Amino acid sequence: MINIGIIGGSGYTAGELIRLLLHHSKVTIDFVYSTTNAGKSIASVHQDVLGDTNLVFTNTINPKVDLVFLCLGHGKSKAFLSEN
């Protein structure tokens, strides 16, 4: 099983990625990072996954995942990586 994290989880790209990964047999979503939605359920923002997951947005990152997807807005990934 591949343990993954998603950074920038509240936008459209992240929503599609979450939807795809939730149904992937070899993937577990460890965290979905969003500072603006931390503590809220993923389904409250991405209604198309309602009933598919109980995941909640977090404002912390687990550095021990196997893979991280960056779904931040245009030009923001570089700045995020520089800061973290």
N, C-alpha and C. Protein backbone atom coordinates (compact mmCIF):
# COMPACT_ATOMS: atom_id res chain seq x y z
N MET A 1 0.84 -1.18 0.00
CA MET A 1 0.00 0.00 0.00
C MET A 1 0.89 1.24 0.00
N ILE A 2 0.55 2.22 -0.83
CA ILE A 2 1.29 3.47 -0.90
C ILE A 2 0.56 4.50 -0.04
N ASN A 3 1.27 5.06 0.92
CA ASN A 3 0.73 6.07 1.82
C ASN A 3 1.01 7.44 1.22
N ILE A 4 -0.04 8.23 0.98
CA ILE A 4 0.18 9.52 0.33
C ILE A 4 -0.40 10.67 1.16
N GLY A 5 0.11 11.86 0.86
CA GLY A 5 -0.40 13.10 1.43
C GLY A 5 -0.71 14.07 0.30
N ILE A 6 -1.65 14.93 0.56
CA ILE A 6 -2.03 15.96 -0.42
C ILE A 6 -1.91 17.31 0.25
N ILE A 7 -1.18 18.21 -0.40
CA ILE A 7 -1.00 19.56 0.14
C ILE A 7 -1.74 20.53 -0.77
N GLY A 8 -2.59 21.34 -0.17
CA GLY A 8 -3.45 22.23 -0.93
C GLY A 8 -4.73 21.51 -1.29
N GLY A 9 -5.39 20.97 -0.30
CA GLY A 9 -6.48 20.04 -0.51
C GLY A 9 -7.85 20.60 -0.80
N SER A 10 -8.04 21.90 -0.82
CA SER A 10 -9.40 22.40 -0.96
C SER A 10 -9.78 22.83 -2.37
N GLY A 11 -8.83 22.84 -3.28
CA GLY A 11 -9.14 23.27 -4.64
C GLY A 11 -9.67 22.17 -5.54
N TYR A 12 -10.00 22.56 -6.77
CA TYR A 12 -10.58 21.63 -7.74
C TYR A 12 -9.64 20.47 -8.05
N THR A 13 -8.37 20.76 -8.29
CA THR A 13 -7.40 19.71 -8.63
C THR A 13 -7.30 18.69 -7.50
N ALA A 14 -7.21 19.15 -6.28
CA ALA A 14 -7.14 18.24 -5.14
C ALA A 14 -8.41 17.43 -5.01
N GLY A 15 -9.54 18.04 -5.26
CA GLY A 15 -10.81 17.32 -5.17
C GLY A 15 -10.87 16.15 -6.14
N GLU A 16 -10.43 16.38 -7.38
CA GLU A 16 -10.39 15.30 -8.36
C GLU A 16 -9.39 14.23 -7.97
N LEU A 17 -8.23 14.64 -7.47
CA LEU A 17 -7.21 13.69 -7.02
C LEU A 17 -7.73 12.84 -5.86
N ILE A 18 -8.36 13.46 -4.89
CA ILE A 18 -8.93 12.73 -3.76
C ILE A 18 -9.95 11.71 -4.25
N ARG A 19 -10.83 12.13 -5.13
CA ARG A 19 -11.86 11.23 -5.66
C ARG A 19 -11.24 10.02 -6.33
N LEU A 20 -10.21 10.24 -7.13
CA LEU A 20 -9.54 9.14 -7.82
C LEU A 20 -8.81 8.22 -6.84
N LEU A 21 -8.09 8.82 -5.89
CA LEU A 21 -7.28 8.02 -4.97
C LEU A 21 -8.12 7.23 -3.96
N LEU A 22 -9.27 7.76 -3.60
CA LEU A 22 -10.13 7.03 -2.67
C LEU A 22 -10.56 5.68 -3.23
N HIS A 23 -10.62 5.58 -4.54
CA HIS A 23 -11.07 4.35 -5.18
C HIS A 23 -9.92 3.53 -5.75
N HIS A 24 -8.70 3.91 -5.43
CA HIS A 24 -7.52 3.18 -5.90
C HIS A 24 -7.18 2.10 -4.89
N SER A 25 -7.03 0.89 -5.36
CA SER A 25 -6.83 -0.26 -4.46
C SER A 25 -5.47 -0.31 -3.80
N LYS A 26 -4.50 0.46 -4.27
CA LYS A 26 -3.14 0.38 -3.72
C LYS A 26 -2.71 1.66 -2.99
N VAL A 27 -3.67 2.51 -2.69
CA VAL A 27 -3.37 3.81 -2.09
C VAL A 27 -4.16 4.02 -0.81
N THR A 28 -3.49 4.62 0.18
CA THR A 28 -4.14 5.12 1.38
C THR A 28 -3.82 6.60 1.51
N ILE A 29 -4.83 7.42 1.67
CA ILE A 29 -4.60 8.86 1.87
C ILE A 29 -4.34 9.07 3.36
N ASP A 30 -3.13 9.48 3.68
CA ASP A 30 -2.73 9.71 5.07
C ASP A 30 -3.22 11.07 5.58
N PHE A 31 -3.04 12.10 4.76
CA PHE A 31 -3.48 13.44 5.17
C PHE A 31 -3.82 14.29 3.96
N VAL A 32 -4.69 15.26 4.19
CA VAL A 32 -5.01 16.29 3.20
C VAL A 32 -4.82 17.62 3.91
N TYR A 33 -3.80 18.35 3.51
CA TYR A 33 -3.37 19.58 4.16
C TYR A 33 -4.11 20.79 3.59
N SER A 34 -4.70 21.57 4.47
CA SER A 34 -5.34 22.83 4.08
C SER A 34 -5.40 23.72 5.31
N THR A 35 -4.73 24.85 5.26
CA THR A 35 -4.77 25.75 6.42
C THR A 35 -6.12 26.42 6.57
N THR A 36 -6.81 26.67 5.46
CA THR A 36 -8.10 27.36 5.53
C THR A 36 -9.24 26.45 5.95
N ASN A 37 -9.10 25.14 5.77
CA ASN A 37 -10.18 24.21 6.10
C ASN A 37 -9.81 23.19 7.17
N ALA A 38 -8.70 23.41 7.87
CA ALA A 38 -8.26 22.47 8.89
C ALA A 38 -9.37 22.19 9.89
N GLY A 39 -9.61 20.90 10.15
CA GLY A 39 -10.65 20.49 11.09
C GLY A 39 -11.99 20.18 10.43
N LYS A 40 -12.18 20.62 9.20
CA LYS A 40 -13.43 20.35 8.48
C LYS A 40 -13.32 19.02 7.74
N SER A 41 -14.45 18.38 7.52
CA SER A 41 -14.44 17.13 6.76
C SER A 41 -14.13 17.43 5.29
N ILE A 42 -13.47 16.48 4.64
CA ILE A 42 -13.16 16.62 3.22
C ILE A 42 -14.45 16.78 2.42
N ALA A 43 -15.46 15.99 2.78
CA ALA A 43 -16.74 16.00 2.06
C ALA A 43 -17.49 17.32 2.19
N SER A 44 -17.17 18.12 3.21
CA SER A 44 -17.84 19.42 3.34
C SER A 44 -17.39 20.39 2.25
N VAL A 45 -16.22 20.16 1.69
CA VAL A 45 -15.70 20.99 0.60
C VAL A 45 -15.87 20.29 -0.74
N HIS A 46 -15.60 18.99 -0.76
CA HIS A 46 -15.70 18.18 -1.99
C HIS A 46 -16.91 17.25 -1.83
N GLN A 47 -18.08 17.76 -2.14
CA GLN A 47 -19.31 17.00 -1.91
C GLN A 47 -19.39 15.70 -2.71
N ASP A 48 -18.63 15.58 -3.79
CA ASP A 48 -18.69 14.37 -4.60
C ASP A 48 -18.07 13.16 -3.91
N VAL A 49 -17.39 13.35 -2.76
CA VAL A 49 -16.85 12.21 -2.01
C VAL A 49 -17.66 11.93 -0.74
N LEU A 50 -18.80 12.59 -0.61
CA LEU A 50 -19.68 12.37 0.54
C LEU A 50 -20.06 10.89 0.62
N GLY A 51 -19.83 10.29 1.76
CA GLY A 51 -20.11 8.88 1.95
C GLY A 51 -18.95 7.96 1.60
N ASP A 52 -17.91 8.50 0.95
CA ASP A 52 -16.75 7.70 0.57
C ASP A 52 -15.60 7.80 1.56
N THR A 53 -15.60 8.83 2.40
CA THR A 53 -14.47 9.02 3.30
C THR A 53 -14.90 9.80 4.54
N ASN A 54 -14.19 9.56 5.62
CA ASN A 54 -14.36 10.33 6.85
C ASN A 54 -13.14 11.21 7.11
N LEU A 55 -12.27 11.36 6.09
CA LEU A 55 -11.07 12.18 6.25
C LEU A 55 -11.42 13.62 6.59
N VAL A 56 -10.52 14.24 7.34
CA VAL A 56 -10.68 15.63 7.75
C VAL A 56 -9.43 16.38 7.32
N PHE A 57 -9.59 17.61 6.84
CA PHE A 57 -8.44 18.44 6.50
C PHE A 57 -7.59 18.67 7.74
N THR A 58 -6.29 18.78 7.53
CA THR A 58 -5.37 19.03 8.62
C THR A 58 -4.44 20.18 8.27
N ASN A 59 -3.85 20.79 9.28
CA ASN A 59 -2.85 21.83 9.04
C ASN A 59 -1.46 21.35 9.45
N THR A 60 -1.30 20.02 9.55
CA THR A 60 0.00 19.43 9.82
C THR A 60 0.34 18.44 8.71
N ILE A 61 1.63 18.23 8.53
CA ILE A 61 2.13 17.34 7.48
C ILE A 61 2.83 16.16 8.12
N ASN A 62 2.54 14.96 7.64
CA ASN A 62 3.24 13.77 8.08
C ASN A 62 4.40 13.53 7.11
N PRO A 63 5.65 13.75 7.54
CA PRO A 63 6.78 13.60 6.62
C PRO A 63 7.11 12.14 6.30
N LYS A 64 6.42 11.20 6.92
CA LYS A 64 6.74 9.79 6.73
C LYS A 64 5.90 9.11 5.64
N VAL A 65 5.12 9.87 4.88
CA VAL A 65 4.35 9.28 3.80
C VAL A 65 5.29 8.88 2.65
N ASP A 66 4.81 8.03 1.76
CA ASP A 66 5.61 7.59 0.63
C ASP A 66 5.64 8.60 -0.51
N LEU A 67 4.56 9.38 -0.63
CA LEU A 67 4.41 10.28 -1.76
C LEU A 67 3.55 11.47 -1.35
N VAL A 68 3.92 12.65 -1.85
CA VAL A 68 3.14 13.86 -1.58
C VAL A 68 2.75 14.50 -2.91
N PHE A 69 1.49 14.85 -3.03
CA PHE A 69 1.00 15.60 -4.19
C PHE A 69 0.85 17.06 -3.77
N LEU A 70 1.37 17.97 -4.58
CA LEU A 70 1.21 19.40 -4.34
C LEU A 70 0.10 19.91 -5.24
N CYS A 71 -0.98 20.36 -4.64
CA CYS A 71 -2.14 20.87 -5.40
C CYS A 71 -2.40 22.32 -5.03
N LEU A 72 -1.35 23.05 -4.83
CA LEU A 72 -1.47 24.46 -4.47
C LEU A 72 -1.76 25.29 -5.71
N GLY A 73 -2.18 26.52 -5.49
CA GLY A 73 -2.46 27.42 -6.60
C GLY A 73 -1.22 27.70 -7.44
N HIS A 74 -1.43 28.22 -8.62
CA HIS A 74 -0.36 28.49 -9.57
C HIS A 74 0.77 29.29 -8.93
N GLY A 75 1.98 28.75 -9.02
CA GLY A 75 3.17 29.43 -8.51
C GLY A 75 3.40 29.31 -7.01
N LYS A 76 2.51 28.65 -6.28
CA LYS A 76 2.64 28.60 -4.83
C LYS A 76 3.42 27.38 -4.33
N SER A 77 3.59 26.38 -5.15
CA SER A 77 4.30 25.16 -4.70
C SER A 77 5.75 25.45 -4.36
N LYS A 78 6.42 26.22 -5.19
CA LYS A 78 7.83 26.55 -4.96
C LYS A 78 8.00 27.28 -3.63
N ALA A 79 7.14 28.25 -3.38
CA ALA A 79 7.21 29.00 -2.12
C ALA A 79 6.94 28.09 -0.93
N PHE A 80 5.94 27.20 -1.07
CA PHE A 80 5.62 26.26 0.01
C PHE A 80 6.82 25.38 0.32
N LEU A 81 7.47 24.84 -0.72
CA LEU A 81 8.63 23.97 -0.51
C LEU A 81 9.79 24.73 0.10
N SER A 82 9.97 25.97 -0.25
CA SER A 82 11.05 26.78 0.34
C SER A 82 10.83 27.03 1.82
N GLU A 83 9.58 27.19 2.22
CA GLU A 83 9.24 27.47 3.61
C GLU A 83 9.26 26.23 4.48
N ASN A 84 8.99 25.06 3.90
CA ASN A 84 8.87 23.82 4.67
C ASN A 84 9.96 22.92 4.31
